[in-house]
């Protein structure tokens, strides 16, 4: 299964035609304070390239909640990542507050970064 295949099958549930690459993901997560974050939300993690970059920067006690609309991508991400700091949720970004249940320190949006700060 590729993200391109998922885009063709479910274009309204898949935000990218091609997967991101590791180098831009690590560059885009640099310098935004993920090392200080307690709770990070990632919206639209897709195949998990940015998920991996975020997890590489998070402190051991921090949490990452990844919300993916596409059920196939959410299941694959959940099945292939064993990091206990990661929670994968199949759902909509509109459900973020209910899913997380507390303020997040930063939000990663489908490869776009936000500044560290309470949301």
N, C-alpha and C. Protein backbone atom coordinates (compact mmCIF):
# COMPACT_ATOMS: atom_id res chain seq x y z
N UNK A 1 0.85 -1.17 0.00
CA UNK A 1 0.00 0.00 0.00
C UNK A 1 0.89 1.24 0.00
N UNK A 2 0.61 2.15 -0.91
CA UNK A 2 1.34 3.41 -0.94
C UNK A 2 0.37 4.56 -0.72
N UNK A 3 0.90 5.69 -0.38
CA UNK A 3 0.04 6.85 -0.19
C UNK A 3 -0.60 7.27 -1.52
N UNK A 4 0.08 7.04 -2.63
CA UNK A 4 -0.50 7.35 -3.94
C UNK A 4 -1.72 6.46 -4.19
N UNK A 5 -1.60 5.20 -3.88
CA UNK A 5 -2.74 4.28 -4.02
C UNK A 5 -3.90 4.73 -3.16
N UNK A 6 -3.61 5.10 -1.92
CA UNK A 6 -4.66 5.57 -1.02
C UNK A 6 -5.29 6.87 -1.52
N UNK A 7 -4.48 7.75 -2.10
CA UNK A 7 -5.03 8.98 -2.65
C UNK A 7 -6.00 8.66 -3.79
N UNK A 8 -5.62 7.71 -4.64
CA UNK A 8 -6.49 7.35 -5.76
C UNK A 8 -7.77 6.67 -5.28
N UNK A 9 -7.68 5.88 -4.23
CA UNK A 9 -8.86 5.19 -3.67
C UNK A 9 -9.75 6.13 -2.87
N UNK A 10 -9.13 7.01 -2.09
CA UNK A 10 -9.87 7.88 -1.17
C UNK A 10 -9.33 9.30 -1.25
N UNK A 11 -9.56 10.00 -2.36
CA UNK A 11 -8.98 11.33 -2.52
C UNK A 11 -9.47 12.36 -1.49
N UNK A 12 -10.66 12.17 -0.96
CA UNK A 12 -11.16 13.12 0.04
C UNK A 12 -10.65 12.82 1.44
N UNK A 13 -10.02 11.66 1.61
CA UNK A 13 -9.50 11.27 2.92
C UNK A 13 -7.99 11.24 2.97
N UNK A 14 -7.34 11.58 1.86
CA UNK A 14 -5.88 11.50 1.79
C UNK A 14 -5.37 12.84 1.28
N UNK A 15 -4.54 13.49 2.07
CA UNK A 15 -4.12 14.86 1.76
C UNK A 15 -2.90 15.00 0.89
N UNK A 16 -2.31 13.90 0.47
CA UNK A 16 -1.09 13.98 -0.34
C UNK A 16 -1.14 12.92 -1.44
N UNK A 17 -0.51 13.24 -2.55
CA UNK A 17 -0.43 12.30 -3.65
C UNK A 17 0.80 11.42 -3.50
N UNK A 18 1.85 11.96 -2.90
CA UNK A 18 3.10 11.23 -2.71
C UNK A 18 3.56 11.43 -1.27
N UNK A 19 4.28 10.44 -0.77
CA UNK A 19 4.78 10.52 0.60
C UNK A 19 5.89 11.56 0.72
N UNK A 20 5.99 12.13 1.89
CA UNK A 20 7.09 13.05 2.20
C UNK A 20 8.37 12.24 2.34
N UNK A 21 9.49 12.94 2.28
CA UNK A 21 10.75 12.24 2.49
C UNK A 21 11.34 12.61 3.84
N UNK A 22 12.24 11.78 4.31
CA UNK A 22 12.79 11.90 5.66
C UNK A 22 13.56 13.20 5.87
N UNK A 23 14.39 13.60 4.94
CA UNK A 23 15.24 14.78 5.12
C UNK A 23 14.41 16.05 5.37
N UNK A 24 13.41 16.38 4.53
CA UNK A 24 12.60 17.57 4.82
C UNK A 24 11.85 17.45 6.14
N UNK A 25 11.41 16.25 6.49
CA UNK A 25 10.68 16.07 7.74
C UNK A 25 11.56 16.42 8.94
N UNK A 26 12.79 15.95 8.93
CA UNK A 26 13.70 16.27 10.03
C UNK A 26 14.06 17.75 10.03
N UNK A 27 14.23 18.34 8.86
CA UNK A 27 14.55 19.77 8.77
C UNK A 27 13.39 20.62 9.26
N UNK A 28 12.17 20.25 8.92
CA UNK A 28 11.00 21.04 9.30
C UNK A 28 10.64 20.91 10.77
N UNK A 29 11.11 19.86 11.43
CA UNK A 29 10.83 19.71 12.86
C UNK A 29 11.97 20.25 13.72
N UNK A 30 12.99 20.75 13.09
CA UNK A 30 14.13 21.32 13.81
C UNK A 30 13.82 22.75 14.26
N UNK A 31 14.22 23.06 15.48
CA UNK A 31 14.13 24.44 15.96
C UNK A 31 12.75 24.91 16.36
N UNK A 32 11.79 24.02 16.52
CA UNK A 32 10.45 24.46 16.93
C UNK A 32 10.14 24.05 18.37
N UNK A 33 11.12 23.53 19.07
CA UNK A 33 10.96 23.26 20.49
C UNK A 33 10.31 21.94 20.84
N UNK A 34 10.32 20.98 19.94
CA UNK A 34 9.70 19.69 20.25
C UNK A 34 10.37 19.02 21.45
N UNK A 35 11.63 19.31 21.66
CA UNK A 35 12.36 18.71 22.78
C UNK A 35 11.77 19.14 24.12
N UNK A 36 11.10 20.30 24.16
CA UNK A 36 10.50 20.82 25.40
C UNK A 36 9.02 20.49 25.52
N UNK A 37 8.42 19.98 24.46
CA UNK A 37 6.98 19.73 24.45
C UNK A 37 6.61 18.54 25.33
N UNK A 38 5.47 18.65 25.97
CA UNK A 38 4.92 17.53 26.74
C UNK A 38 3.91 16.76 25.91
N UNK A 39 3.16 17.50 25.07
CA UNK A 39 2.11 16.90 24.27
C UNK A 39 2.08 17.55 22.89
N UNK A 40 2.21 16.74 21.85
CA UNK A 40 2.21 17.22 20.47
C UNK A 40 1.09 16.51 19.73
N UNK A 41 0.37 17.24 18.90
CA UNK A 41 -0.65 16.65 18.03
C UNK A 41 -0.17 16.75 16.59
N UNK A 42 -0.30 15.66 15.87
CA UNK A 42 0.03 15.65 14.44
C UNK A 42 -1.25 15.36 13.68
N UNK A 43 -1.62 16.25 12.78
CA UNK A 43 -2.83 16.08 11.99
C UNK A 43 -2.46 15.64 10.58
N UNK A 44 -2.95 14.48 10.18
CA UNK A 44 -2.65 13.95 8.86
C UNK A 44 -1.27 13.34 8.77
N UNK A 45 -0.94 12.39 9.64
CA UNK A 45 0.40 11.80 9.62
C UNK A 45 0.70 10.94 8.39
N UNK A 46 -0.32 10.49 7.69
CA UNK A 46 -0.08 9.69 6.48
C UNK A 46 0.75 8.46 6.74
N UNK A 47 1.88 8.34 6.07
CA UNK A 47 2.74 7.16 6.21
C UNK A 47 3.69 7.25 7.39
N UNK A 48 3.73 8.38 8.08
CA UNK A 48 4.52 8.48 9.31
C UNK A 48 5.90 9.08 9.20
N UNK A 49 6.23 9.67 8.07
CA UNK A 49 7.56 10.26 7.91
C UNK A 49 7.77 11.38 8.94
N UNK A 50 6.78 12.27 9.06
CA UNK A 50 6.89 13.34 10.05
C UNK A 50 6.71 12.80 11.46
N UNK A 51 5.92 11.77 11.61
CA UNK A 51 5.74 11.13 12.91
C UNK A 51 7.09 10.68 13.46
N UNK A 52 7.87 10.03 12.62
CA UNK A 52 9.20 9.56 13.04
C UNK A 52 10.12 10.72 13.41
N UNK A 53 10.05 11.80 12.64
CA UNK A 53 10.89 12.97 12.92
C UNK A 53 10.48 13.61 14.25
N UNK A 54 9.20 13.68 14.50
CA UNK A 54 8.72 14.24 15.77
C UNK A 54 9.15 13.35 16.93
N UNK A 55 8.93 12.05 16.81
CA UNK A 55 9.32 11.14 17.89
C UNK A 55 10.81 11.19 18.18
N UNK A 56 11.62 11.40 17.15
CA UNK A 56 13.07 11.49 17.34
C UNK A 56 13.45 12.69 18.20
N UNK A 57 12.62 13.70 18.22
CA UNK A 57 12.93 14.93 18.97
C UNK A 57 12.23 15.00 20.33
N UNK A 58 11.20 14.21 20.54
CA UNK A 58 10.44 14.29 21.79
C UNK A 58 11.21 13.70 22.96
N UNK A 59 10.98 14.29 24.12
CA UNK A 59 11.56 13.78 25.36
C UNK A 59 10.92 12.44 25.71
N UNK A 60 11.59 11.63 26.52
CA UNK A 60 11.05 10.31 26.87
C UNK A 60 9.65 10.34 27.48
N UNK A 61 9.32 11.34 28.26
CA UNK A 61 8.00 11.39 28.90
C UNK A 61 6.93 12.13 28.13
N UNK A 62 7.25 12.61 26.95
CA UNK A 62 6.29 13.37 26.15
C UNK A 62 5.34 12.43 25.42
N UNK A 63 4.27 13.02 24.85
CA UNK A 63 3.28 12.24 24.09
C UNK A 63 3.06 12.86 22.72
N UNK A 64 2.80 12.00 21.74
CA UNK A 64 2.42 12.42 20.40
C UNK A 64 1.10 11.75 20.06
N UNK A 65 0.09 12.56 19.74
CA UNK A 65 -1.20 12.05 19.29
C UNK A 65 -1.30 12.36 17.80
N UNK A 66 -1.36 11.31 16.98
CA UNK A 66 -1.43 11.45 15.53
C UNK A 66 -2.86 11.13 15.08
N UNK A 67 -3.51 12.11 14.47
CA UNK A 67 -4.90 11.96 14.03
C UNK A 67 -4.93 11.85 12.51
N UNK A 68 -5.34 10.69 12.02
CA UNK A 68 -5.37 10.42 10.58
C UNK A 68 -6.79 10.08 10.14
N UNK A 69 -7.29 10.79 9.14
CA UNK A 69 -8.65 10.58 8.63
C UNK A 69 -8.77 9.27 7.85
N UNK A 70 -7.76 8.93 7.07
CA UNK A 70 -7.80 7.74 6.22
C UNK A 70 -7.64 6.49 7.10
N UNK A 71 -8.63 5.59 7.11
CA UNK A 71 -8.55 4.43 8.00
C UNK A 71 -7.41 3.46 7.67
N UNK A 72 -7.07 3.32 6.41
CA UNK A 72 -5.98 2.42 6.02
C UNK A 72 -4.64 2.98 6.50
N UNK A 73 -4.42 4.27 6.28
CA UNK A 73 -3.17 4.89 6.72
C UNK A 73 -3.06 4.89 8.24
N UNK A 74 -4.17 5.14 8.94
CA UNK A 74 -4.15 5.12 10.41
C UNK A 74 -3.80 3.73 10.92
N UNK A 75 -4.40 2.71 10.34
CA UNK A 75 -4.12 1.33 10.78
C UNK A 75 -2.67 0.95 10.49
N UNK A 76 -2.17 1.34 9.34
CA UNK A 76 -0.78 1.02 9.00
C UNK A 76 0.19 1.72 9.94
N UNK A 77 -0.06 2.99 10.21
CA UNK A 77 0.82 3.74 11.11
C UNK A 77 0.82 3.11 12.50
N UNK A 78 -0.35 2.77 12.98
CA UNK A 78 -0.46 2.15 14.30
C UNK A 78 0.25 0.80 14.35
N UNK A 79 0.16 0.04 13.28
CA UNK A 79 0.75 -1.30 13.25
C UNK A 79 2.26 -1.29 13.08
N UNK A 80 2.80 -0.22 12.51
CA UNK A 80 4.24 -0.20 12.21
C UNK A 80 5.06 0.62 13.19
N UNK A 81 4.44 1.31 14.12
CA UNK A 81 5.18 2.11 15.11
C UNK A 81 4.94 1.53 16.49
N UNK A 82 6.00 1.25 17.20
CA UNK A 82 5.90 0.64 18.53
C UNK A 82 6.31 1.57 19.66
N UNK A 83 6.43 2.84 19.39
CA UNK A 83 6.84 3.81 20.40
C UNK A 83 5.67 4.07 21.35
N UNK A 84 5.88 3.87 22.64
CA UNK A 84 4.80 4.04 23.62
C UNK A 84 4.36 5.49 23.77
N UNK A 85 5.15 6.44 23.27
CA UNK A 85 4.75 7.85 23.33
C UNK A 85 3.73 8.20 22.27
N UNK A 86 3.51 7.31 21.31
CA UNK A 86 2.63 7.58 20.17
C UNK A 86 1.25 6.96 20.36
N UNK A 87 0.22 7.78 20.14
CA UNK A 87 -1.16 7.30 20.07
C UNK A 87 -1.69 7.68 18.70
N UNK A 88 -2.10 6.69 17.91
CA UNK A 88 -2.67 6.94 16.59
C UNK A 88 -4.18 6.86 16.71
N UNK A 89 -4.85 7.89 16.21
CA UNK A 89 -6.31 7.94 16.25
C UNK A 89 -6.82 8.07 14.83
N UNK A 90 -7.73 7.18 14.44
CA UNK A 90 -8.38 7.32 13.14
C UNK A 90 -9.58 8.22 13.35
N UNK A 91 -9.51 9.41 12.77
CA UNK A 91 -10.59 10.37 12.94
C UNK A 91 -10.26 11.68 12.28
N UNK A 92 -11.07 12.66 12.60
CA UNK A 92 -10.96 13.98 12.00
C UNK A 92 -10.26 14.96 12.93
N UNK A 93 -9.62 15.93 12.35
CA UNK A 93 -8.99 16.99 13.14
C UNK A 93 -10.03 17.74 13.97
N UNK A 94 -11.27 17.73 13.51
CA UNK A 94 -12.34 18.38 14.27
C UNK A 94 -12.54 17.74 15.64
N UNK A 95 -12.09 16.51 15.79
CA UNK A 95 -12.23 15.77 17.05
C UNK A 95 -11.02 15.91 17.96
N UNK A 96 -10.07 16.75 17.58
CA UNK A 96 -8.80 16.83 18.31
C UNK A 96 -8.98 17.12 19.79
N UNK A 97 -9.79 18.10 20.14
CA UNK A 97 -9.96 18.45 21.55
C UNK A 97 -10.49 17.28 22.36
N UNK A 98 -11.44 16.55 21.80
CA UNK A 98 -12.01 15.40 22.51
C UNK A 98 -11.01 14.26 22.61
N UNK A 99 -10.23 14.06 21.58
CA UNK A 99 -9.24 12.97 21.55
C UNK A 99 -8.11 13.23 22.52
N UNK A 100 -7.60 14.45 22.53
CA UNK A 100 -6.43 14.77 23.35
C UNK A 100 -6.83 15.04 24.80
N UNK A 101 -7.88 15.80 24.99
CA UNK A 101 -8.40 16.04 26.33
C UNK A 101 -7.66 17.07 27.16
N UNK A 102 -6.63 17.68 26.61
CA UNK A 102 -5.87 18.71 27.32
C UNK A 102 -5.15 19.58 26.29
N UNK A 103 -4.70 20.76 26.71
CA UNK A 103 -3.99 21.63 25.75
C UNK A 103 -2.72 20.97 25.22
N UNK A 104 -2.46 21.16 23.94
CA UNK A 104 -1.23 20.63 23.35
C UNK A 104 -0.20 21.75 23.26
N UNK A 105 1.07 21.36 23.23
CA UNK A 105 2.15 22.33 23.14
C UNK A 105 2.39 22.80 21.71
N UNK A 106 2.19 21.91 20.75
CA UNK A 106 2.38 22.27 19.34
C UNK A 106 1.59 21.31 18.47
N UNK A 107 1.27 21.77 17.26
CA UNK A 107 0.53 20.95 16.31
C UNK A 107 1.34 20.88 15.02
N UNK A 108 1.49 19.68 14.49
CA UNK A 108 2.14 19.46 13.20
C UNK A 108 1.03 19.13 12.21
N UNK A 109 0.90 19.95 11.18
CA UNK A 109 -0.18 19.78 10.22
C UNK A 109 0.34 19.26 8.89
N UNK A 110 0.17 17.99 8.64
CA UNK A 110 0.53 17.41 7.33
C UNK A 110 1.83 17.97 6.78
N UNK A 111 2.85 18.01 7.58
CA UNK A 111 4.14 18.48 7.10
C UNK A 111 4.35 19.98 7.26
N UNK A 112 3.38 20.68 7.80
CA UNK A 112 3.56 22.11 8.06
C UNK A 112 3.75 22.27 9.56
N UNK A 113 4.67 23.11 9.95
CA UNK A 113 4.96 23.21 11.37
C UNK A 113 4.30 24.44 11.99
N UNK A 114 4.06 24.36 13.26
CA UNK A 114 3.57 25.50 14.02
C UNK A 114 4.60 25.80 15.10
N UNK A 115 4.53 26.99 15.64
CA UNK A 115 5.43 27.36 16.72
C UNK A 115 5.01 26.68 18.00
N UNK A 116 5.97 26.46 18.87
CA UNK A 116 5.67 25.87 20.17
C UNK A 116 4.90 26.90 20.99
N UNK A 117 3.83 26.49 21.55
CA UNK A 117 3.01 27.36 22.40
C UNK A 117 1.69 26.70 22.66
N UNK A 118 1.03 27.04 23.76
CA UNK A 118 -0.23 26.39 24.09
C UNK A 118 -1.28 26.67 23.03
N UNK A 119 -2.06 25.64 22.73
CA UNK A 119 -3.16 25.77 21.78
C UNK A 119 -4.47 25.44 22.46
